[in-house]
Amino acid sequence: MKKNFLVLLFALIIPTYGIANSTLEMIEKLDQEKLARQSQEIEVKKEVKPVKKERRFITLSNGKRVDISDWQIVHFMSSTCSYCRQFNPKLKQLSEQVGIPVVTYSFDGKGDEVFPVVFDANEDVLREFFAELPRATPTDFLINVNNLVTLPVSQGDLSQFALAQRLDETFLYIENNLKGIEKMPVEGEK
């Protein structure tokens, strides 16, 4: 009986030892894989360098070169607006010449051939931008993408020269009068 008991005991202990041993081996293997993944992630993070933002400068009418990289034009239009159909090509051409992006909102949610991709100008957007201006198209604002300072630039159909002049006047105003906000860096200043 004692012999049977020892055989039974060995029969129970040896597989349990093997299971325990294989479980420990599995845990150890999982820990090693986890450490290997973590070290790979660290290496990947070391290799990823922040993308340096390309700076865009324009020369204002006073001769100063200013960085416009953090600014964009917010354009309001309607697909049925005849003034927009006349104005939009001029705005697009000027934005490409100056290097300033245009984000377009549409009162009717539809774009046109010049600005086919538009955002819907919902009531919240209209209230934010047109707090002190009549809701008319086309209307353009200059907005700083970092601090959301927003200034009106134009309303109605303008010539490309008049639009460029308004844009210049707006940047001059920012440069000279908005000292309490993050100022546009002047080329060469740090």
Protein backbone atom coordinates (compact mmCIF):
# COMPACT_ATOMS: atom_id res chain seq x y z
CA MET A 1 0.00 0.00 0.00
CA LYS A 2 2.87 2.29 0.86
CA LYS A 3 4.36 1.51 -2.53
CA ASN A 4 1.07 2.34 -4.29
CA PHE A 5 0.86 5.57 -2.33
CA LEU A 6 4.38 6.60 -3.46
CA VAL A 7 3.59 5.74 -7.07
CA LEU A 8 0.39 7.77 -6.84
CA LEU A 9 2.24 10.66 -5.21
CA PHE A 10 4.90 10.65 -7.94
CA ALA A 11 2.21 10.39 -10.58
CA LEU A 12 0.55 13.54 -9.20
CA ILE A 13 3.66 15.58 -8.37
CA ILE A 14 5.72 15.04 -11.51
CA PRO A 15 3.07 16.35 -13.97
CA THR A 16 2.33 19.26 -11.63
CA TYR A 17 6.03 20.05 -11.44
CA GLY A 18 6.18 19.88 -15.23
CA ILE A 19 3.15 22.16 -15.58
CA ALA A 20 4.52 24.57 -13.03
CA ASN A 21 7.88 24.49 -14.73
CA SER A 22 6.35 25.08 -18.18
CA THR A 23 4.15 27.89 -16.76
CA LEU A 24 7.23 29.57 -15.31
CA GLU A 25 9.00 29.14 -18.61
CA MET A 26 6.01 30.70 -20.43
CA ILE A 27 5.95 33.68 -18.04
CA GLU A 28 9.69 34.13 -18.46
CA LYS A 29 9.35 33.94 -22.25
CA LEU A 30 6.50 36.50 -22.21
CA ASP A 31 8.59 38.83 -20.03
CA GLN A 32 11.51 38.54 -22.46
CA GLU A 33 9.22 39.31 -25.43
CA LYS A 34 7.76 42.29 -23.57
CA LEU A 35 11.23 43.66 -22.81
CA ALA A 36 12.27 43.16 -26.44
CA ARG A 37 9.16 45.08 -27.66
CA GLN A 38 9.80 47.89 -25.19
CA SER A 39 13.41 48.26 -26.28
CA GLN A 40 12.29 48.32 -29.94
CA GLU A 41 9.72 51.03 -29.11
CA ILE A 42 12.40 53.05 -27.36
CA GLU A 43 14.69 52.70 -30.40
CA VAL A 44 11.86 53.78 -32.71
CA LYS A 45 11.11 56.78 -30.50
CA LYS A 46 14.79 57.76 -30.58
CA GLU A 47 14.80 57.59 -34.39
CA VAL A 48 11.64 59.71 -34.84
CA LYS A 49 12.65 63.34 -35.00
CA PRO A 50 10.07 66.09 -34.85
CA VAL A 51 9.28 67.48 -38.27
CA LYS A 52 10.57 70.99 -38.52
CA LYS A 53 7.80 73.27 -39.67
CA GLU A 54 8.59 75.02 -42.89
CA ARG A 55 8.52 78.76 -42.28
CA ARG A 56 6.87 81.05 -44.84
CA PHE A 57 7.81 84.72 -45.02
CA ILE A 58 6.30 87.64 -46.89
CA THR A 59 7.55 91.18 -47.27
CA LEU A 60 5.06 93.80 -46.10
CA SER A 61 4.63 97.24 -47.65
CA ASN A 62 6.82 98.74 -44.89
CA GLY A 63 9.73 96.49 -45.96
CA LYS A 64 9.54 94.09 -43.00
CA ARG A 65 9.66 90.37 -43.71
CA VAL A 66 7.28 88.53 -41.43
CA ASP A 67 6.65 84.86 -40.79
CA ILE A 68 3.12 83.92 -41.84
CA SER A 69 3.51 80.19 -41.12
CA ASP A 70 0.96 80.20 -38.29
CA TRP A 71 -1.70 82.10 -40.23
CA GLN A 72 -4.39 81.00 -42.64
CA ILE A 73 -7.33 82.55 -44.43
CA VAL A 74 -10.80 81.40 -43.46
CA HIS A 75 -13.06 81.96 -46.47
CA PHE A 76 -16.86 81.98 -46.36
CA MET A 77 -18.76 81.38 -49.59
CA SER A 78 -21.90 79.91 -51.08
CA SER A 79 -22.05 77.74 -54.19
CA THR A 80 -24.86 79.93 -55.57
CA CYS A 81 -23.15 83.27 -54.91
CA SER A 82 -22.24 85.09 -58.14
CA TYR A 83 -19.74 87.31 -56.29
CA CYS A 84 -18.03 84.18 -54.93
CA ARG A 85 -17.69 82.76 -58.44
CA GLN A 86 -15.89 85.97 -59.47
CA PHE A 87 -13.82 86.29 -56.28
CA ASN A 88 -12.76 82.68 -55.54
CA PRO A 89 -10.23 82.36 -58.41
CA LYS A 90 -8.55 85.60 -57.29
CA LEU A 91 -8.36 84.40 -53.68
CA LYS A 92 -6.95 81.02 -54.71
CA GLN A 93 -4.30 82.61 -56.94
CA LEU A 94 -3.24 85.05 -54.22
CA SER A 95 -3.08 82.31 -51.58
CA GLU A 96 -0.83 80.24 -53.85
CA GLN A 97 1.43 83.23 -54.60
CA VAL A 98 1.76 84.23 -50.95
CA GLY A 99 1.84 80.67 -49.59
CA ILE A 100 -1.01 81.05 -47.14
CA PRO A 101 -3.55 78.23 -46.88
CA VAL A 102 -7.29 78.81 -47.29
CA VAL A 103 -9.89 76.94 -45.24
CA THR A 104 -13.30 77.29 -46.84
CA TYR A 105 -16.73 77.28 -45.20
CA SER A 106 -19.88 77.28 -47.26
CA PHE A 107 -23.22 78.77 -46.23
CA ASP A 108 -25.01 76.09 -48.25
CA GLY A 109 -22.55 73.26 -47.53
CA LYS A 110 -21.45 72.99 -51.17
CA GLY A 111 -18.19 73.90 -52.83
CA ASP A 112 -17.48 75.15 -56.34
CA GLU A 113 -14.88 74.45 -59.01
CA VAL A 114 -12.26 76.59 -57.24
CA PHE A 115 -12.91 75.37 -53.69
CA PRO A 116 -14.60 71.98 -54.07
CA VAL A 117 -13.80 70.87 -50.50
CA VAL A 118 -15.68 72.95 -47.94
CA PHE A 119 -16.87 72.76 -44.37
CA ASP A 120 -20.49 73.45 -43.56
CA ALA A 121 -20.89 76.89 -42.01
CA ASN A 122 -23.14 75.82 -39.15
CA GLU A 123 -24.71 78.24 -36.70
CA ASP A 124 -21.87 77.93 -34.13
CA VAL A 125 -19.24 78.76 -36.76
CA LEU A 126 -21.26 81.69 -38.11
CA ARG A 127 -21.87 83.10 -34.64
CA GLU A 128 -18.14 82.87 -33.84
CA PHE A 129 -16.92 84.58 -37.02
CA PHE A 130 -19.78 86.97 -37.75
CA ALA A 131 -20.36 88.36 -34.26
CA GLU A 132 -19.86 91.94 -35.47
CA LEU A 133 -20.16 91.60 -39.25
CA PRO A 134 -23.12 91.00 -41.51
CA ARG A 135 -23.38 87.43 -42.76
CA ALA A 136 -22.45 87.89 -46.39
CA THR A 137 -20.45 86.05 -49.01
CA PRO A 138 -17.66 86.15 -49.88
CA THR A 139 -16.09 87.06 -46.52
CA ASP A 140 -12.51 86.37 -45.46
CA PHE A 141 -10.74 86.32 -42.12
CA LEU A 142 -7.12 85.88 -41.14
CA ILE A 143 -6.68 83.46 -38.23
CA ASN A 144 -3.67 82.41 -36.20
CA VAL A 145 -3.81 78.63 -35.88
CA ASN A 146 -2.01 78.63 -32.50
CA ASN A 147 -3.90 81.22 -30.50
CA LEU A 148 -7.02 81.66 -32.70
CA VAL A 149 -6.65 85.43 -32.99
CA THR A 150 -9.00 86.28 -35.84
CA LEU A 151 -9.22 89.47 -37.91
CA PRO A 152 -11.53 90.34 -40.80
CA VAL A 153 -9.78 90.86 -44.13
CA SER A 154 -12.46 91.39 -46.76
CA GLN A 155 -16.11 91.18 -47.62
CA GLY A 156 -17.47 91.11 -51.16
CA ASP A 157 -15.76 90.74 -54.53
CA LEU A 158 -12.39 92.52 -54.60
CA SER A 159 -9.70 92.69 -57.23
CA GLN A 160 -6.64 90.57 -56.55
CA PHE A 161 -4.63 93.77 -55.98
CA ALA A 162 -7.19 95.07 -53.44
CA LEU A 163 -7.20 91.69 -51.65
CA ALA A 164 -3.38 91.69 -51.49
CA GLN A 165 -3.48 95.22 -50.10
CA ARG A 166 -6.03 94.22 -47.43
CA LEU A 167 -3.92 91.22 -46.48
CA ASP A 168 -0.86 93.47 -46.19
CA GLU A 169 -2.80 95.97 -44.04
CA THR A 170 -4.02 93.19 -41.77
CA PHE A 171 -0.50 91.81 -41.25
CA LEU A 172 0.77 95.36 -40.58
CA TYR A 173 -1.99 95.82 -38.01
CA ILE A 174 -1.02 92.57 -36.32
CA GLU A 175 2.66 93.49 -36.33
CA ASN A 176 2.08 96.98 -34.94
CA ASN A 177 -0.90 96.65 -32.60
CA LEU A 178 -1.31 93.18 -31.16
CA LYS A 179 1.55 93.18 -28.69
CA GLY A 180 -0.44 91.17 -26.10
CA ILE A 181 -0.60 88.11 -28.32
CA GLU A 182 2.09 85.84 -29.61
CA LYS A 183 3.74 88.23 -32.07
CA MET A 184 4.65 87.16 -35.55
CA PRO A 185 8.40 86.63 -35.59
CA VAL A 186 10.31 88.95 -37.88
CA GLU A 187 12.91 87.16 -40.00
CA GLY A 188 16.26 87.20 -38.20
CA GLU A 189 14.75 87.78 -34.74
CA LYS A 190 14.75 85.03 -32.14
